[in-house]
Amino acid sequence: MNFVQIAADIISKNSLVMSFAVVAVMMVAGYRLSALLGEKRFGSAVAIVIGLVLALIAGKYTGGSKGIADIKILSGFGVLGGAMFRDYAIISTAFGANIEELKKAGVAGIVSLFVGVIFSFVVGAAFAIAFGFKSAVDVTTIGAGAVTFIVGPVTGGALGASSAVVALSIAAGVVKSVLCMIITPLVAPYIGLNNPQSAMVFGGLLGTTSGVAGGLAATDPKLVPYGAMTATFYTGLGCLLAPSVLFMIVRAILGS
């Protein structure tokens, strides 16, 4: 057995560690590229775009359905991007948050959650109808995807939506998340996004935890725990409202 085979075997047996190393390289590359563009704060967004491009290329190359995780030595991405590490990452964002600052969000934080969920749902449902979807289940699932890419599949699973519609709902949520990461640092100076209270309201309005966390990290890393905190509540609220109250409203309007 030659050196290459030995190295391939070691990497294959430690694919999760390899995945962490690849993510680290993508982060370094993202920040180097953004520095070259004169906007180092966009490093996280650039790294995410690199990851999406690699997933697309890997999907085309392998013909599989798990993106870059279909490559054997990178199969650890299936675990790294799975629900366990996702939830761990969300919880870890709470580290460093000041409880007193969280209390200051008060009514504004709660109102932002409901406004954010309902507004995103209405926009997503309107697009679904505009593109010819008439079933209440399909419209509700795609609308829920516009809330976040987690709420979409949860709602689709609860309502029995087709896999194609669930995939569309995830795509809607991913687009929203990426746009949030890119646009947040650009608009932050103009909307007063520079303190914990505004970060909590922002997280409650936008909701997408990954998008809010990435956008705030590019704006001011100290704001991430506050925005991510309300964004997490937003996801939970969306999972409660979309397959129940919002679905009944859509069904009453569409009649099917």
Foldseek 3Di string as FASTA:
>chain_A
DDPVVVVLVVLLVVLLVVQVVVLVVLLVVLQVVCVVVVQSLLSLLSSVVVVVVQQVVQCVVQVDDRGPLVPRSNVSVCVCVDPVVVVVVLVVLLPLDDVVLLCVLPPLLVVLQVQQLVVQLVVQLVVCVVVPDQDLLLSLLLSLLSLALVLNLLLCVVSVHDPVSNVNSNVNRVVLLSCLLVCLQVCCVVPVVDDQNVLSSVLSNSLHLNSSLNNVSSNPNSNNSSSSVSSVVSSVVSNVCRNPVVSVVSCVVSVD
